[in-house]
Amino acid sequence: MRVRYLIAILLVCASLLLAKTYTITLSEPSRVAGAELKPGNYSLKVEGDKAIFLDRTRKPVVEATVRIENAARKFEATAIEFRKESGQNRIQAISLGGSKMKLLFD
């Protein structure tokens, strides 16, 4: 019985460690998935087709569905693409520095 609990705990810990996080900085208020993100630093965790924005205390702020594109080469730096809508920035895409992933937000 204890072995099963130990295995379950190890699997949960391993899945948390495998989820890669990236740091992004927003200089202006921005919208993603219908929610507004205030200026500041965020951690971005990618899990499957979900992007989860975490605040500095590592609490989830926004979860958004993304489409992932893979580039031919790794991106040198993280870059955020915005589109102005009704005077507000809306995040359209994020190229993740050090990876080949580009996250596209609907």
N, C-alpha and C. Protein backbone atom coordinates (compact mmCIF):
# COMPACT_ATOMS: atom_id res chain seq x y z
N MET A 1 0.82 -1.19 0.00
CA MET A 1 0.00 0.00 0.00
C MET A 1 0.87 1.26 0.00
N ARG A 2 1.89 1.26 0.84
CA ARG A 2 2.79 2.41 0.91
C ARG A 2 3.55 2.60 -0.40
N VAL A 3 3.87 1.50 -1.04
CA VAL A 3 4.60 1.57 -2.31
C VAL A 3 3.76 2.29 -3.36
N ARG A 4 2.48 2.02 -3.40
CA ARG A 4 1.59 2.69 -4.36
C ARG A 4 1.55 4.19 -4.11
N TYR A 5 1.46 4.58 -2.84
CA TYR A 5 1.45 6.01 -2.52
C TYR A 5 2.77 6.66 -2.90
N LEU A 6 3.86 5.98 -2.65
CA LEU A 6 5.18 6.50 -2.99
C LEU A 6 5.32 6.67 -4.49
N ILE A 7 4.86 5.70 -5.26
CA ILE A 7 4.92 5.78 -6.72
C ILE A 7 4.05 6.94 -7.21
N ALA A 8 2.87 7.10 -6.67
CA ALA A 8 1.99 8.19 -7.06
C ALA A 8 2.63 9.55 -6.77
N ILE A 9 3.24 9.68 -5.62
CA ILE A 9 3.90 10.94 -5.26
C ILE A 9 5.08 11.21 -6.18
N LEU A 10 5.86 10.20 -6.50
CA LEU A 10 6.98 10.37 -7.41
C LEU A 10 6.53 10.78 -8.81
N LEU A 11 5.44 10.20 -9.29
CA LEU A 11 4.92 10.57 -10.61
C LEU A 11 4.45 12.02 -10.64
N VAL A 12 3.79 12.47 -9.60
CA VAL A 12 3.34 13.86 -9.53
C VAL A 12 4.53 14.80 -9.50
N CYS A 13 5.53 14.49 -8.70
CA CYS A 13 6.73 15.33 -8.62
C CYS A 13 7.46 15.38 -9.96
N ALA A 14 7.56 14.25 -10.64
CA ALA A 14 8.24 14.20 -11.93
C ALA A 14 7.50 15.04 -12.96
N SER A 15 6.18 14.99 -12.98
CA SER A 15 5.42 15.79 -13.95
C SER A 15 5.58 17.27 -13.68
N LEU A 16 5.68 17.66 -12.42
CA LEU A 16 5.90 19.07 -12.10
C LEU A 16 7.28 19.54 -12.52
N LEU A 17 8.26 18.68 -12.39
CA LEU A 17 9.62 19.05 -12.78
C LEU A 17 9.79 19.12 -14.29
N LEU A 18 9.04 18.32 -15.03
CA LEU A 18 9.16 18.30 -16.48
C LEU A 18 8.51 19.50 -17.15
N ALA A 19 7.58 20.15 -16.49
CA ALA A 19 6.92 21.32 -17.06
C ALA A 19 7.90 22.49 -17.04
N LYS A 20 8.34 22.91 -18.20
CA LYS A 20 9.32 23.98 -18.32
C LYS A 20 8.64 25.33 -18.13
N THR A 21 9.31 26.23 -17.43
CA THR A 21 8.78 27.58 -17.25
C THR A 21 9.72 28.59 -17.89
N TYR A 22 9.14 29.67 -18.35
CA TYR A 22 9.87 30.76 -18.99
C TYR A 22 9.48 32.05 -18.28
N THR A 23 10.38 33.01 -18.25
CA THR A 23 10.11 34.30 -17.63
C THR A 23 9.80 35.32 -18.70
N ILE A 24 8.71 36.06 -18.52
CA ILE A 24 8.38 37.15 -19.43
C ILE A 24 8.16 38.42 -18.62
N THR A 25 8.37 39.56 -19.26
CA THR A 25 8.16 40.85 -18.62
C THR A 25 7.22 41.68 -19.49
N LEU A 26 6.17 42.19 -18.88
CA LEU A 26 5.23 43.06 -19.58
C LEU A 26 5.46 44.49 -19.09
N SER A 27 5.66 45.42 -20.02
CA SER A 27 5.88 46.81 -19.63
C SER A 27 4.58 47.62 -19.61
N GLU A 28 3.55 47.08 -20.22
CA GLU A 28 2.24 47.74 -20.26
C GLU A 28 1.16 46.71 -19.93
N PRO A 29 -0.01 47.17 -19.48
CA PRO A 29 -1.12 46.23 -19.28
C PRO A 29 -1.44 45.51 -20.60
N SER A 30 -1.69 44.23 -20.52
CA SER A 30 -1.95 43.42 -21.71
C SER A 30 -3.07 42.43 -21.42
N ARG A 31 -3.78 42.07 -22.48
CA ARG A 31 -4.89 41.12 -22.34
C ARG A 31 -4.52 39.80 -23.01
N VAL A 32 -4.95 38.73 -22.35
CA VAL A 32 -4.80 37.39 -22.91
C VAL A 32 -5.95 36.55 -22.36
N ALA A 33 -6.59 35.79 -23.22
CA ALA A 33 -7.70 34.90 -22.85
C ALA A 33 -8.78 35.66 -22.08
N GLY A 34 -9.04 36.91 -22.46
CA GLY A 34 -10.09 37.70 -21.83
C GLY A 34 -9.73 38.30 -20.49
N ALA A 35 -8.52 38.06 -20.00
CA ALA A 35 -8.09 38.61 -18.71
C ALA A 35 -6.99 39.64 -18.92
N GLU A 36 -6.92 40.58 -18.01
CA GLU A 36 -5.88 41.61 -18.11
C GLU A 36 -4.71 41.27 -17.19
N LEU A 37 -3.52 41.35 -17.76
CA LEU A 37 -2.28 41.16 -17.00
C LEU A 37 -1.68 42.53 -16.75
N LYS A 38 -1.36 42.83 -15.51
CA LYS A 38 -0.74 44.10 -15.16
C LYS A 38 0.74 44.08 -15.56
N PRO A 39 1.36 45.25 -15.72
CA PRO A 39 2.80 45.27 -16.02
C PRO A 39 3.59 44.57 -14.92
N GLY A 40 4.64 43.87 -15.31
CA GLY A 40 5.48 43.18 -14.35
C GLY A 40 6.04 41.89 -14.90
N ASN A 41 6.68 41.13 -14.03
CA ASN A 41 7.29 39.86 -14.40
C ASN A 41 6.33 38.71 -14.13
N TYR A 42 6.31 37.77 -15.06
CA TYR A 42 5.48 36.57 -14.94
C TYR A 42 6.29 35.36 -15.32
N SER A 43 5.96 34.23 -14.75
CA SER A 43 6.48 32.95 -15.21
C SER A 43 5.41 32.37 -16.12
N LEU A 44 5.86 31.75 -17.18
CA LEU A 44 4.94 31.16 -18.15
C LEU A 44 5.24 29.68 -18.21
N LYS A 45 4.26 28.87 -17.87
CA LYS A 45 4.42 27.41 -17.88
C LYS A 45 3.58 26.86 -19.02
N VAL A 46 4.18 25.99 -19.83
CA VAL A 46 3.49 25.39 -20.97
C VAL A 46 3.23 23.92 -20.64
N GLU A 47 1.94 23.55 -20.67
CA GLU A 47 1.52 22.18 -20.42
C GLU A 47 0.57 21.76 -21.54
N GLY A 48 1.11 21.01 -22.49
CA GLY A 48 0.29 20.58 -23.63
C GLY A 48 -0.14 21.78 -24.45
N ASP A 49 -1.46 21.97 -24.60
CA ASP A 49 -1.96 23.12 -25.37
C ASP A 49 -2.41 24.26 -24.45
N LYS A 50 -1.91 24.29 -23.24
CA LYS A 50 -2.24 25.34 -22.27
C LYS A 50 -1.00 26.14 -21.91
N ALA A 51 -1.16 27.44 -21.83
CA ALA A 51 -0.12 28.34 -21.30
C ALA A 51 -0.67 28.91 -20.01
N ILE A 52 0.10 28.78 -18.94
CA ILE A 52 -0.34 29.26 -17.63
C ILE A 52 0.60 30.37 -17.18
N PHE A 53 0.03 31.55 -16.96
CA PHE A 53 0.79 32.69 -16.48
C PHE A 53 0.76 32.67 -14.95
N LEU A 54 1.95 32.70 -14.34
CA LEU A 54 2.07 32.65 -12.89
C LEU A 54 2.64 33.98 -12.39
N ASP A 55 2.13 34.46 -11.25
CA ASP A 55 2.67 35.69 -10.69
C ASP A 55 3.95 35.39 -9.91
N ARG A 56 4.52 36.39 -9.26
CA ARG A 56 5.81 36.20 -8.58
C ARG A 56 5.73 35.24 -7.40
N THR A 57 4.52 34.98 -6.89
CA THR A 57 4.36 34.01 -5.81
C THR A 57 4.07 32.61 -6.35
N ARG A 58 4.15 32.46 -7.69
CA ARG A 58 3.94 31.19 -8.40
C ARG A 58 2.48 30.74 -8.38
N LYS A 59 1.56 31.68 -8.14
CA LYS A 59 0.14 31.36 -8.22
C LYS A 59 -0.35 31.63 -9.64
N PRO A 60 -1.18 30.73 -10.19
CA PRO A 60 -1.71 30.95 -11.53
C PRO A 60 -2.58 32.21 -11.60
N VAL A 61 -2.34 33.01 -12.63
CA VAL A 61 -3.11 34.24 -12.84
C VAL A 61 -4.09 34.04 -13.99
N VAL A 62 -3.58 33.50 -15.10
CA VAL A 62 -4.39 33.27 -16.30
C VAL A 62 -3.96 31.96 -16.94
N GLU A 63 -4.94 31.22 -17.43
CA GLU A 63 -4.68 30.01 -18.21
C GLU A 63 -5.29 30.22 -19.58
N ALA A 64 -4.50 30.02 -20.63
CA ALA A 64 -4.98 30.27 -21.98
C ALA A 64 -4.67 29.07 -22.87
N THR A 65 -5.57 28.80 -23.81
CA THR A 65 -5.33 27.76 -24.81
C THR A 65 -4.42 28.34 -25.88
N VAL A 66 -3.41 27.58 -26.29
CA VAL A 66 -2.46 28.05 -27.30
C VAL A 66 -2.31 27.01 -28.39
N ARG A 67 -1.85 27.50 -29.52
CA ARG A 67 -1.44 26.64 -30.62
C ARG A 67 0.08 26.77 -30.68
N ILE A 68 0.80 25.68 -30.76
CA ILE A 68 2.26 25.71 -30.73
C ILE A 68 2.82 25.48 -32.13
N GLU A 69 3.71 26.40 -32.54
CA GLU A 69 4.44 26.25 -33.79
C GLU A 69 5.89 26.00 -33.44
N ASN A 70 6.55 25.13 -34.18
CA ASN A 70 7.97 24.88 -33.97
C ASN A 70 8.77 25.53 -35.10
N ALA A 71 9.77 26.32 -34.73
CA ALA A 71 10.63 26.99 -35.70
C ALA A 71 11.76 26.06 -36.12
N ALA A 72 12.47 26.44 -37.17
CA ALA A 72 13.60 25.64 -37.64
C ALA A 72 14.78 25.73 -36.68
N ARG A 73 14.94 26.91 -36.05
CA ARG A 73 16.05 27.11 -35.11
C ARG A 73 15.51 27.66 -33.80
N LYS A 74 16.34 27.58 -32.76
CA LYS A 74 15.94 28.10 -31.45
C LYS A 74 15.90 29.63 -31.50
N PHE A 75 14.95 30.20 -30.75
CA PHE A 75 14.87 31.64 -30.63
C PHE A 75 15.94 32.10 -29.64
N GLU A 76 16.64 33.19 -29.96
CA GLU A 76 17.70 33.69 -29.09
C GLU A 76 17.13 34.33 -27.82
N ALA A 77 16.01 35.01 -27.95
CA ALA A 77 15.41 35.70 -26.81
C ALA A 77 13.90 35.54 -26.88
N THR A 78 13.27 35.72 -25.74
CA THR A 78 11.81 35.67 -25.69
C THR A 78 11.26 36.97 -26.26
N ALA A 79 10.28 36.86 -27.15
CA ALA A 79 9.67 38.03 -27.77
C ALA A 79 8.15 37.88 -27.73
N ILE A 80 7.47 38.98 -27.42
CA ILE A 80 6.01 38.98 -27.33
C ILE A 80 5.46 39.84 -28.45
N GLU A 81 4.50 39.30 -29.18
CA GLU A 81 3.84 40.04 -30.26
C GLU A 81 2.47 40.49 -29.77
N PHE A 82 2.20 41.79 -29.93
CA PHE A 82 0.94 42.38 -29.49
C PHE A 82 0.13 42.86 -30.67
N ARG A 83 -1.16 43.04 -30.44
CA ARG A 83 -2.05 43.72 -31.37
C ARG A 83 -2.91 44.66 -30.55
N LYS A 84 -3.04 45.90 -31.02
CA LYS A 84 -3.87 46.88 -30.32
C LYS A 84 -5.34 46.63 -30.64
N GLU A 85 -6.14 46.49 -29.58
CA GLU A 85 -7.59 46.33 -29.72
C GLU A 85 -8.25 47.26 -28.73
N SER A 86 -9.03 48.19 -29.21
CA SER A 86 -9.74 49.14 -28.35
C SER A 86 -8.78 49.85 -27.39
N GLY A 87 -7.60 50.19 -27.90
CA GLY A 87 -6.62 50.92 -27.09
C GLY A 87 -5.84 50.07 -26.11
N GLN A 88 -6.04 48.76 -26.12
CA GLN A 88 -5.31 47.87 -25.20
C GLN A 88 -4.46 46.89 -26.00
N ASN A 89 -3.34 46.49 -25.39
CA ASN A 89 -2.50 45.47 -26.00
C ASN A 89 -3.12 44.10 -25.78
N ARG A 90 -3.16 43.32 -26.85
CA ARG A 90 -3.62 41.93 -26.76
C ARG A 90 -2.49 41.05 -27.22
N ILE A 91 -2.09 40.10 -26.39
CA ILE A 91 -0.99 39.21 -26.74
C ILE A 91 -1.45 38.25 -27.83
N GLN A 92 -0.71 38.26 -28.94
CA GLN A 92 -1.03 37.38 -30.05
C GLN A 92 -0.11 36.16 -30.09
N ALA A 93 1.18 36.38 -29.79
CA ALA A 93 2.14 35.28 -29.87
C ALA A 93 3.31 35.55 -28.94
N ILE A 94 3.94 34.49 -28.48
CA ILE A 94 5.15 34.59 -27.68
C ILE A 94 6.15 33.58 -28.22
N SER A 95 7.31 34.07 -28.65
CA SER A 95 8.43 33.21 -29.07
C SER A 95 9.28 32.99 -27.83
N LEU A 96 9.49 31.76 -27.46
CA LEU A 96 10.19 31.44 -26.22
C LEU A 96 11.68 31.28 -26.44
N GLY A 97 12.46 32.19 -25.85
CA GLY A 97 13.91 32.18 -25.98
C GLY A 97 14.52 30.89 -25.47
N GLY A 98 15.49 30.36 -26.22
CA GLY A 98 16.15 29.11 -25.84
C GLY A 98 15.39 27.87 -26.29
N SER A 99 14.28 28.08 -27.00
CA SER A 99 13.51 26.95 -27.51
C SER A 99 13.11 27.22 -28.95
N LYS A 100 12.49 26.24 -29.57
CA LYS A 100 11.97 26.40 -30.93
C LYS A 100 10.47 26.68 -30.93
N MET A 101 9.88 26.87 -29.73
CA MET A 101 8.42 27.02 -29.60
C MET A 101 7.96 28.46 -29.74
N LYS A 102 6.90 28.60 -30.51
CA LYS A 102 6.19 29.87 -30.61
C LYS A 102 4.75 29.58 -30.21
N LEU A 103 4.26 30.30 -29.21
CA LEU A 103 2.90 30.10 -28.73
C LEU A 103 1.99 31.09 -29.43
N LEU A 104 0.92 30.61 -30.04
CA LEU A 104 -0.04 31.47 -30.73
C LEU A 104 -1.34 31.47 -29.94
N PHE A 105 -1.80 32.66 -29.57
CA PHE A 105 -3.02 32.81 -28.78
C PHE A 105 -4.16 33.22 -29.70
N ASP A 106 -5.33 32.63 -29.51
CA ASP A 106 -6.52 32.97 -30.32
C ASP A 106 -7.22 34.16 -29.77
